Every structure is written in C-alpha cells, then in structure tokens.
C-alpha atoms as a PDB file:
ATOM      1  CA  MET A   1       3.673  18.896 -29.820  1.00  0.00           C
ATOM      2  CA  LYS A   2       0.951  16.529 -28.605  1.00  0.00           C
ATOM      3  CA  ILE A   3      -2.672  17.533 -28.095  1.00  0.00           C
ATOM      4  CA  LYS A   4      -4.966  15.678 -25.706  1.00  0.00           C
ATOM      5  CA  LYS A   5      -8.592  16.800 -25.536  1.00  0.00           C
ATOM      6  CA  ASP A   6     -11.547  15.725 -23.429  1.00  0.00           C
ATOM      7  CA  GLU A   7     -14.836  17.283 -22.356  1.00  0.00           C
ATOM      8  CA  ASP A   8     -13.421  19.861 -19.955  1.00  0.00           C
ATOM      9  CA  LYS A   9      -9.833  20.508 -21.031  1.00  0.00           C
ATOM     10  CA  THR A  10      -7.355  20.510 -23.886  1.00  0.00           C
ATOM     11  CA  LEU A  11      -3.743  19.775 -22.957  1.00  0.00           C
ATOM     12  CA  ILE A  12      -0.900  20.704 -25.301  1.00  0.00           C
ATOM     13  CA  ALA A  13       2.386  19.060 -24.307  1.00  0.00           C
ATOM     14  CA  PHE A  14       5.881  19.712 -25.661  1.00  0.00           C
ATOM     15  CA  SER A  15       8.902  17.427 -25.760  1.00  0.00           C
ATOM     16  CA  ARG A  16      11.235  20.317 -24.965  1.00  0.00           C
ATOM     17  CA  PRO A  17      10.782  23.568 -23.003  1.00  0.00           C
ATOM     18  CA  MET A  18       9.224  26.420 -24.973  1.00  0.00           C
ATOM     19  CA  LYS A  19       9.337  30.189 -24.616  1.00  0.00           C
ATOM     20  CA  CYS A  20       5.906  31.649 -23.875  1.00  0.00           C
ATOM     21  CA  ILE A  21       4.297  35.042 -23.425  1.00  0.00           C
ATOM     22  CA  SER A  22       0.745  35.099 -22.081  1.00  0.00           C
ATOM     23  CA  SER A  23      -1.799  36.795 -19.862  1.00  0.00           C
ATOM     24  CA  ALA A  24      -2.808  33.449 -18.356  1.00  0.00           C
ATOM     25  CA  ILE A  25      -4.123  33.183 -14.801  1.00  0.00           C
ATOM     26  CA  TRP A  26      -1.479  30.494 -14.152  1.00  0.00           C
ATOM     27  CA  GLY A  27       2.019  30.746 -15.623  1.00  0.00           C
ATOM     28  CA  GLY A  28       1.395  34.139 -17.214  1.00  0.00           C
ATOM     29  CA  GLY A  29       4.019  36.689 -18.254  1.00  0.00           C
ATOM     30  CA  MET A  30       7.238  35.894 -20.104  1.00  0.00           C
ATOM     31  CA  ARG A  31       8.460  32.319 -19.523  1.00  0.00           C
ATOM     32  CA  ARG A  32      11.261  30.185 -20.973  1.00  0.00           C
ATOM     33  CA  ASP A  33      10.482  26.731 -19.560  1.00  0.00           C
ATOM     34  CA  ILE A  34       6.949  25.736 -20.600  1.00  0.00           C
ATOM     35  CA  LEU A  35       6.183  22.059 -21.235  1.00  0.00           C
ATOM     36  CA  CYS A  36       2.380  22.178 -21.135  1.00  0.00           C
ATOM     37  CA  VAL A  37      -0.437  24.594 -21.968  1.00  0.00           C
ATOM     38  CA  ALA A  38      -3.940  23.746 -20.712  1.00  0.00           C
ATOM     39  CA  ASN A  39      -7.217  25.258 -21.891  1.00  0.00           C
ATOM     40  CA  VAL A  40      -9.695  24.391 -19.121  1.00  0.00           C
ATOM     41  CA  THR A  41     -13.490  24.628 -19.173  1.00  0.00           C
ATOM     42  CA  ILE A  42     -15.172  25.748 -15.949  1.00  0.00           C
ATOM     43  CA  PRO A  43     -18.807  24.591 -15.923  1.00  0.00           C
ATOM     44  CA  GLN A  44     -21.182  27.545 -15.817  1.00  0.00           C
ATOM     45  CA  ASN A  45     -22.854  26.228 -12.647  1.00  0.00           C
ATOM     46  CA  ILE A  46     -19.538  26.467 -10.736  1.00  0.00           C
ATOM     47  CA  ASN A  47     -18.350  29.826  -9.425  1.00  0.00           C
ATOM     48  CA  ILE A  48     -14.627  30.128  -8.737  1.00  0.00           C
ATOM     49  CA  PRO A  49     -13.405  33.373  -7.142  1.00  0.00           C
ATOM     50  CA  VAL A  50     -10.495  34.978  -8.994  1.00  0.00           C
ATOM     51  CA  ARG A  51      -8.232  34.507  -5.974  1.00  0.00           C
ATOM     52  CA  SER A  52      -8.909  30.721  -6.056  1.00  0.00           C
ATOM     53  CA  MET A  53      -8.115  30.243  -9.753  1.00  0.00           C
ATOM     54  CA  PRO A  54      -4.333  29.721  -9.323  1.00  0.00           C
ATOM     55  CA  SER A  55      -4.789  26.844  -6.880  1.00  0.00           C
ATOM     56  CA  TYR A  56      -7.563  25.408  -9.065  1.00  0.00           C
ATOM     57  CA  SER A  57      -5.197  25.498 -12.051  1.00  0.00           C
ATOM     58  CA  ARG A  58      -2.338  23.935 -10.132  1.00  0.00           C
ATOM     59  CA  ASN A  59      -4.502  21.028  -8.987  1.00  0.00           C
ATOM     60  CA  ILE A  60      -5.625  20.289 -12.564  1.00  0.00           C
ATOM     61  CA  LEU A  61      -2.026  20.145 -13.788  1.00  0.00           C
ATOM     62  CA  ILE A  62      -0.783  17.935 -10.967  1.00  0.00           C
ATOM     63  CA  THR A  63      -3.784  15.591 -11.310  1.00  0.00           C
ATOM     64  CA  ASN A  64      -2.966  15.108 -14.999  1.00  0.00           C
ATOM     65  CA  GLY A  65       0.729  14.460 -14.384  1.00  0.00           C
ATOM     66  CA  TYR A  66       2.208  17.806 -15.484  1.00  0.00           C
ATOM     67  CA  SER A  67       4.648  20.051 -13.691  1.00  0.00           C
ATOM     68  CA  ALA A  68       2.676  23.046 -12.457  1.00  0.00           C
ATOM     69  CA  ASP A  69       5.839  25.156 -12.467  1.00  0.00           C
ATOM     70  CA  GLN A  70       6.367  24.510 -16.186  1.00  0.00           C
ATOM     71  CA  SER A  71       2.812  24.998 -17.376  1.00  0.00           C
ATOM     72  CA  VAL A  72       0.348  27.668 -18.452  1.00  0.00           C
ATOM     73  CA  VAL A  73      -3.406  27.475 -17.803  1.00  0.00           C
ATOM     74  CA  LEU A  74      -6.156  29.364 -19.627  1.00  0.00           C
ATOM     75  CA  MET A  75      -9.766  29.173 -18.412  1.00  0.00           C
ATOM     76  CA  THR A  76     -13.091  29.403 -20.220  1.00  0.00           C
ATOM     77  CA  SER A  77     -16.759  28.499 -19.885  1.00  0.00           C
ATOM     78  CA  VAL A  78     -16.827  27.167 -23.459  1.00  0.00           C
ATOM     79  CA  PRO A  79     -16.964  23.346 -23.794  1.00  0.00           C
ATOM     80  CA  GLN A  80     -13.850  21.948 -25.449  1.00  0.00           C
ATOM     81  CA  LYS A  81     -15.928  20.328 -28.210  1.00  0.00           C
ATOM     82  CA  TYR A  82     -16.303  23.844 -29.653  1.00  0.00           C
ATOM     83  CA  ILE A  83     -12.573  24.392 -30.080  1.00  0.00           C
ATOM     84  CA  GLY A  84     -11.347  25.905 -33.341  1.00  0.00           C
ATOM     85  CA  ILE A  85      -8.032  24.843 -34.896  1.00  0.00           C
ATOM     86  CA  SER A  86      -6.380  26.720 -37.761  1.00  0.00           C
ATOM     87  CA  ASP A  87      -5.623  24.916 -41.023  1.00  0.00           C
ATOM     88  CA  ASP A  88      -1.908  24.978 -40.223  1.00  0.00           C
ATOM     89  CA  SER A  89      -2.618  23.524 -36.736  1.00  0.00           C
ATOM     90  CA  LYS A  90      -0.583  26.323 -35.126  1.00  0.00           C
ATOM     91  CA  CYS A  91      -3.499  28.053 -33.401  1.00  0.00           C
ATOM     92  CA  ILE A  92      -6.199  26.723 -31.073  1.00  0.00           C
ATOM     93  CA  VAL A  93      -9.151  28.868 -29.959  1.00  0.00           C
ATOM     94  CA  THR A  94     -12.245  28.628 -27.807  1.00  0.00           C
ATOM     95  CA  ALA A  95     -14.548  31.618 -28.260  1.00  0.00           C
ATOM     96  CA  GLY A  96     -17.125  32.664 -25.683  1.00  0.00           C
ATOM     97  CA  LEU A  97     -18.732  35.939 -26.762  1.00  0.00           C
ATOM     98  CA  GLY A  98     -21.341  36.302 -24.011  1.00  0.00           C
ATOM     99  CA  ASN A  99     -19.678  39.417 -22.572  1.00  0.00           C
ATOM    100  CA  ALA A 100     -18.039  40.870 -25.686  1.00  0.00           C
ATOM    101  CA  CYS A 101     -17.412  44.575 -25.190  1.00  0.00           C
ATOM    102  CA  SER A 102     -15.907  47.711 -26.679  1.00  0.00           C
ATOM    103  CA  LEU A 103     -12.329  48.789 -26.031  1.00  0.00           C
ATOM    104  CA  ALA A 104     -13.470  50.917 -23.060  1.00  0.00           C
ATOM    105  CA  PRO A 105     -16.365  49.056 -21.345  1.00  0.00           C
ATOM    106  CA  GLU A 106     -18.667  50.940 -18.990  1.00  0.00           C
ATOM    107  CA  THR A 107     -17.789  48.792 -15.981  1.00  0.00           C
ATOM    108  CA  VAL A 108     -14.390  47.406 -14.990  1.00  0.00           C
ATOM    109  CA  TRP A 109     -12.886  45.600 -12.013  1.00  0.00           C
ATOM    110  CA  ASP A 110     -10.762  47.668  -9.635  1.00  0.00           C
ATOM    111  CA  GLU A 111      -8.306  45.080  -8.369  1.00  0.00           C
ATOM    112  CA  SER A 112      -7.002  47.363  -5.604  1.00  0.00           C
ATOM    113  CA  ILE A 113     -10.317  47.355  -3.720  1.00  0.00           C
ATOM    114  CA  ASN A 114     -12.049  44.098  -4.715  1.00  0.00           C
ATOM    115  CA  ASP A 115     -10.418  40.658  -4.783  1.00  0.00           C
ATOM    116  CA  ILE A 116     -13.550  38.484  -4.722  1.00  0.00           C
ATOM    117  CA  VAL A 117     -14.980  39.093  -8.181  1.00  0.00           C
ATOM    118  CA  ILE A 118     -16.512  35.917  -9.623  1.00  0.00           C
ATOM    119  CA  TYR A 119     -15.534  34.699 -13.083  1.00  0.00           C
ATOM    120  CA  SER A 120     -18.001  35.836 -15.753  1.00  0.00           C
ATOM    121  CA  PRO A 121     -18.634  33.546 -18.765  1.00  0.00           C
ATOM    122  CA  GLY A 122     -17.436  34.849 -22.100  1.00  0.00           C
ATOM    123  CA  THR A 123     -13.750  34.409 -22.900  1.00  0.00           C
ATOM    124  CA  ILE A 124     -11.690  34.049 -26.057  1.00  0.00           C
ATOM    125  CA  ASN A 125      -8.717  31.798 -25.334  1.00  0.00           C
ATOM    126  CA  CYS A 126      -6.078  31.719 -28.061  1.00  0.00           C
ATOM    127  CA  ILE A 127      -2.977  29.484 -28.070  1.00  0.00           C
ATOM    128  CA  ILE A 128      -0.429  29.976 -30.858  1.00  0.00           C
ATOM    129  CA  VAL A 129       2.565  27.664 -31.281  1.00  0.00           C
ATOM    130  CA  LEU A 130       5.247  28.835 -33.723  1.00  0.00           C
ATOM    131  CA  ASP A 131       7.950  26.798 -35.437  1.00  0.00           C
ATOM    132  CA  ASP A 132      10.299  29.793 -35.460  1.00  0.00           C
ATOM    133  CA  CYS A 133      12.160  31.137 -32.442  1.00  0.00           C
ATOM    134  CA  LEU A 134      11.511  34.797 -31.578  1.00  0.00           C
ATOM    135  CA  SER A 135      13.511  37.256 -29.527  1.00  0.00           C
ATOM    136  CA  SER A 136      11.770  38.580 -26.413  1.00  0.00           C
ATOM    137  CA  SER A 137      10.909  41.846 -28.154  1.00  0.00           C
ATOM    138  CA  ALA A 138       9.546  39.967 -31.169  1.00  0.00           C
ATOM    139  CA  MET A 139       7.389  37.833 -28.863  1.00  0.00           C
ATOM    140  CA  VAL A 140       5.862  41.000 -27.411  1.00  0.00           C
ATOM    141  CA  GLU A 141       5.148  42.214 -30.927  1.00  0.00           C
ATOM    142  CA  GLY A 142       3.732  38.841 -31.984  1.00  0.00           C
ATOM    143  CA  TYR A 143       1.458  38.820 -28.936  1.00  0.00           C
ATOM    144  CA  GLY A 144       0.156  42.249 -29.953  1.00  0.00           C
ATOM    145  CA  ILE A 145      -0.452  41.058 -33.512  1.00  0.00           C
ATOM    146  CA  ALA A 146      -2.523  38.138 -32.185  1.00  0.00           C
ATOM    147  CA  LYS A 147      -4.639  40.531 -30.108  1.00  0.00           C
ATOM    148  CA  LEU A 148      -5.195  42.722 -33.173  1.00  0.00           C
ATOM    149  CA  ALA A 149      -6.301  39.696 -35.198  1.00  0.00           C
ATOM    150  CA  ILE A 150      -8.800  38.763 -32.479  1.00  0.00           C
ATOM    151  CA  ALA A 151     -10.108  42.337 -32.328  1.00  0.00           C
ATOM    152  CA  GLU A 152     -10.557  42.361 -36.115  1.00  0.00           C
ATOM    153  CA  ILE A 153     -12.705  39.225 -36.114  1.00  0.00           C
ATOM    154  CA  VAL A 154     -14.725  40.149 -33.015  1.00  0.00           C
ATOM    155  CA  SER A 155     -15.408  43.582 -34.497  1.00  0.00           C
ATOM    156  CA  SER A 156     -16.725  41.948 -37.668  1.00  0.00           C
ATOM    157  CA  TRP A 157     -18.814  39.536 -35.581  1.00  0.00           C
ATOM    158  CA  SER A 158     -20.410  42.331 -33.526  1.00  0.00           C
ATOM    159  CA  ASN A 159     -21.406  44.126 -36.722  1.00  0.00           C
ATOM    160  CA  TYR A 160     -22.716  40.838 -38.125  1.00  0.00           C
ATOM    161  CA  VAL A 161     -25.082  40.337 -35.156  1.00  0.00           C
ATOM    162  CA  GLY A 162     -26.075  44.006 -34.994  1.00  0.00           C
ATOM    163  CA  MET A 163     -24.277  44.955 -31.786  1.00  0.00           C
ATOM    164  CA  PRO A 164     -22.197  48.070 -31.107  1.00  0.00           C
ATOM    165  CA  THR A 165     -18.636  47.427 -32.242  1.00  0.00           C
ATOM    166  CA  CYS A 166     -16.793  45.030 -29.903  1.00  0.00           C
ATOM    167  CA  VAL A 167     -13.110  44.093 -29.888  1.00  0.00           C
ATOM    168  CA  GLY A 168     -12.971  41.218 -27.392  1.00  0.00           C
ATOM    169  CA  THR A 169     -14.091  40.241 -23.895  1.00  0.00           C
ATOM    170  CA  PRO A 170     -12.748  41.479 -20.529  1.00  0.00           C
ATOM    171  CA  THR A 171     -11.218  38.054 -19.857  1.00  0.00           C
ATOM    172  CA  ASP A 172      -9.580  37.225 -23.215  1.00  0.00           C
ATOM    173  CA  CYS A 173      -6.329  35.307 -22.877  1.00  0.00           C
ATOM    174  CA  VAL A 174      -3.581  34.789 -25.459  1.00  0.00           C
ATOM    175  CA  ALA A 175      -0.587  32.463 -25.129  1.00  0.00           C
ATOM    176  CA  LEU A 176       2.128  32.675 -27.801  1.00  0.00           C
ATOM    177  CA  LEU A 177       4.806  29.972 -27.739  1.00  0.00           C
ATOM    178  CA  CYS A 178       7.973  29.293 -29.717  1.00  0.00           C
ATOM    179  CA  PRO A 179      11.133  27.156 -29.479  1.00  0.00           C
ATOM    180  CA  LYS A 180      13.914  28.683 -27.421  1.00  0.00           C
ATOM    181  CA  ASP A 181      16.959  26.925 -28.870  1.00  0.00           C
ATOM    182  CA  LEU A 182      16.899  28.099 -32.513  1.00  0.00           C
ATOM    183  CA  ARG A 183      18.202  31.220 -34.234  1.00  0.00           C
ATOM    184  CA  LYS A 184      16.110  34.119 -32.976  1.00  0.00           C
ATOM    185  CA  ASN A 185      14.024  36.247 -35.328  1.00  0.00           C
ATOM    186  CA  ARG A 186      14.109  39.865 -34.163  1.00  0.00           C
ATOM    187  CA  PHE A 187      10.845  41.074 -35.668  1.00  0.00           C
ATOM    188  CA  ALA A 188       7.240  39.879 -35.793  1.00  0.00           C
ATOM    189  CA  GLY A 189       5.239  42.908 -36.910  1.00  0.00           C
ATOM    190  CA  ILE A 190       2.445  43.105 -39.469  1.00  0.00           C
ATOM    191  CA  GLY A 191       4.962  43.549 -42.286  1.00  0.00           C
ATOM    192  CA  THR A 192       6.858  40.326 -41.525  1.00  0.00           C
ATOM    193  CA  LYS A 193       6.110  36.762 -42.627  1.00  0.00           C
ATOM    194  CA  ILE A 194       5.943  35.611 -38.998  1.00  0.00           C
ATOM    195  CA  GLY A 195       3.497  38.396 -38.145  1.00  0.00           C
ATOM    196  CA  SER A 196       1.380  37.577 -41.179  1.00  0.00           C
ATOM    197  CA  ASP A 197       1.417  33.868 -40.286  1.00  0.00           C
ATOM    198  CA  ILE A 198       0.154  34.719 -36.779  1.00  0.00           C
ATOM    199  CA  VAL A 199      -2.695  36.786 -38.235  1.00  0.00           C
ATOM    200  CA  TYR A 200      -3.840  34.040 -40.600  1.00  0.00           C
ATOM    201  CA  SER A 201      -3.581  31.317 -37.935  1.00  0.00           C
ATOM    202  CA  VAL A 202      -5.558  33.320 -35.373  1.00  0.00           C
ATOM    203  CA  ARG A 203      -8.156  34.331 -37.953  1.00  0.00           C
ATOM    204  CA  GLY A 204      -8.616  30.750 -39.104  1.00  0.00           C
ATOM    205  CA  ALA A 205      -8.971  29.235 -35.635  1.00  0.00           C
ATOM    206  CA  LEU A 206     -11.237  31.996 -34.308  1.00  0.00           C
ATOM    207  CA  LEU A 207     -13.518  31.895 -37.353  1.00  0.00           C
ATOM    208  CA  LYS A 208     -13.954  28.143 -36.878  1.00  0.00           C
ATOM    209  CA  ALA A 209     -14.643  28.548 -33.158  1.00  0.00           C
ATOM    210  CA  ILE A 210     -17.298  31.222 -33.747  1.00  0.00           C
ATOM    211  CA  ALA A 211     -18.847  29.189 -36.570  1.00  0.00           C
ATOM    212  CA  TYR A 212     -20.119  26.573 -34.097  1.00  0.00           C
ATOM    213  CA  LYS A 213     -22.758  29.062 -32.901  1.00  0.00           C
ATOM    214  CA  TYR A 214     -22.859  31.400 -35.911  1.00  0.00           C
ATOM    215  CA  PRO A 215     -22.404  29.114 -38.940  1.00  0.00           C
ATOM    216  CA  GLY A 216     -22.955  31.866 -41.496  1.00  0.00           C
ATOM    217  CA  PHE A 217     -20.463  34.326 -40.033  1.00  0.00           C
ATOM    218  CA  GLU A 218     -17.289  32.803 -41.484  1.00  0.00           C
ATOM    219  CA  TYR A 219     -18.526  33.420 -45.030  1.00  0.00           C
ATOM    220  CA  ALA A 220     -20.226  36.759 -44.371  1.00  0.00           C
ATOM    221  CA  CYS A 221     -17.334  38.594 -42.682  1.00  0.00           C
ATOM    222  CA  GLY A 222     -15.161  38.671 -45.809  1.00  0.00           C
ATOM    223  CA  VAL A 223     -11.943  37.959 -43.869  1.00  0.00           C
ATOM    224  CA  ARG A 224      -9.629  35.183 -45.001  1.00  0.00           C
ATOM    225  CA  GLY A 225      -8.632  32.666 -42.361  1.00  0.00           C
ATOM    226  CA  SER A 226      -5.957  30.898 -44.376  1.00  0.00           C
ATOM    227  CA  TYR A 227      -3.691  31.511 -47.341  1.00  0.00           C
END
C-alpha cells in the first residue's frame, strides 16, 4: 500500500487488486478489483451537483494515472492536511462535522423527485485497509462495525460540544478493503479480533481527525483509540 497526499486529495494505491465494500459516490458497493482509493477535497466555494460527481471523480482518477474502473472515490470539504491516521496505519479519516445529525434527521433528500441537490459540507470519510481477507458476509459485518465505531465517537463529540446527540453526517462514507487471495475469515463482528481491530483503528483515526479542531476532545471523551 502506498499513500500519496497533497492539498486536495489523498491517493491510496495497491500493488494487487483488493476487495472493497463502500458507499462511495464512485466505485461504491461490493468490488473485487480495486487498485486505488481516493479521498478528494472539494473546495467550499465550488458547488458540484450530485449527478455530476461521478464524472468529476472519473476525471480526477484519469488525470492522476489511475484506472477509473478499478478505483473508489470519496469526497469531502475537509482539507487533506486535517487527515487522521490510526496508530496501526490501517485507517485514514477526514472528519467534517458541520452537518452532524441524529439518526433520523428532520430533513432528508428524496432521490426519486430531486436529482439536483448540491453537496453540503460536513462529511466523515473513513478508509480501512485490513491485512486479513474476509468473506463477503464478513465484509458486510466489518463495514457495520466501522459505522458503529464512527457513531460512538460522534455521539461523544456532540455531547462534548453540548449538542443533541449525533451519530454521523448525512454524507458519511466508509470504504473497507482487504486482500482477496488469502484464506477467508468468515466473521468480523464485535466479538472477533478482526472486528475489535476495526473498532480501535476507526476510533484512533477519527479521534485524531477531530482533534485538529477540538484538541481537548480526544482526552475528554474517555474512549481508547488504540490498544
């Protein structure tokens, strides 16, 4: 795994195709052929309609020499200098909390009647790269564990700043990757070592990302980010 970071993007490249599950705007879903994951910052003075984001993502990949068909792109308004990396280097996070919300926000986007909604700043992007290979069902479980870990930290943060309890933002994106050519682990729940590793990696990276703006939070929340 190689990481290349500049002002507006972080590119994670792999020497061999990886399995990936994600909710990414480009390359999302369950994939088995990923060679690059990009975390891209959209400047806050640029509005990109949701329907234009796939072509925007594709152009970034091609411009940087990556196969668009074998890549995943996550988008954020957070500058890449505020990225958080876990102590084990398995998780990378940018954390925009400008539109953090509860599990059932008062307003939502109805995709069936409106396809021109403009991106709203405030996104937690989380990329987790595992050394172990997971079965497809275990990847689904691992993805859920990562979302729970994010919700745990964001909930603590919202209490820390005196807001109603929040669990994330409407545009959070998680990408979980693992090798595809090793013996498959069938389980990745909270009671497994892999599940626990995911929790600690996500906690650690997210706490560091939030600490850029809220330096006292990491010590006040009482949640461990590493073993």
